[in-house]
């Protein structure tokens, strides 16, 4: 699985739906704890 923020392969990740369109977002534990920005590949929504 690949983190949408840092694009690194990870086994410690969290999946959640995009708040705007519902697309599956996958983020690693590190990027989530640092509140790094992500961008939905489907609708372009940006979040922390």
Protein backbone atom coordinates (compact mmCIF):
# COMPACT_ATOMS: atom_id res chain seq x y z
CA UNK A 1 0.00 0.00 0.00
CA UNK A 2 1.25 3.48 -0.88
CA UNK A 3 0.75 6.68 1.14
CA UNK A 4 -0.96 9.45 -0.86
CA UNK A 5 1.13 12.16 0.88
CA UNK A 6 4.70 10.80 0.73
CA UNK A 7 4.11 8.08 -1.90
CA UNK A 8 6.11 5.54 0.11
CA UNK A 9 5.09 1.91 0.55
CA UNK A 10 3.86 1.28 4.08
CA UNK A 11 2.20 -1.38 6.18
CA UNK A 12 1.15 1.06 8.90
CA UNK A 13 -1.52 3.10 7.16
CA UNK A 14 -5.01 4.48 7.64
CA UNK A 15 -7.75 4.46 5.01
CA UNK A 16 -10.63 6.92 4.97
CA UNK A 17 -13.02 8.35 2.38
CA UNK A 18 -12.35 11.73 0.78
CA UNK A 19 -14.59 14.28 2.54
CA UNK A 20 -15.71 15.67 -0.82
CA UNK A 21 -16.20 12.71 -3.17
CA UNK A 22 -15.78 9.54 -1.07
CA UNK A 23 -12.70 8.23 -2.93
CA UNK A 24 -10.50 5.98 -0.75
CA UNK A 25 -7.55 7.90 0.75
CA UNK A 26 -4.59 5.99 2.19
CA UNK A 27 -2.06 7.71 4.44
CA UNK A 28 0.87 6.40 6.48
CA UNK A 29 1.12 6.87 10.22
CA UNK A 30 3.99 9.39 9.88
CA UNK A 31 2.24 11.73 7.41
CA UNK A 32 -0.96 11.60 9.38
CA UNK A 33 0.75 12.44 12.69
CA UNK A 34 2.61 15.36 11.05
CA UNK A 35 -0.64 16.56 9.39
CA UNK A 36 1.03 16.66 5.98
CA UNK A 37 -1.17 17.77 3.10
CA UNK A 38 -2.81 15.26 0.78
CA UNK A 39 -4.69 15.69 -2.47
CA UNK A 40 -7.51 13.41 -3.61
CA UNK A 41 -6.59 11.86 -6.98
CA UNK A 42 -10.23 11.87 -8.09
CA UNK A 43 -11.59 15.33 -7.23
CA UNK A 44 -8.48 17.32 -6.21
CA UNK A 45 -9.68 18.02 -2.65
CA UNK A 46 -6.74 19.02 -0.43
CA UNK A 47 -6.63 18.27 3.27
CA UNK A 48 -4.19 18.19 6.18
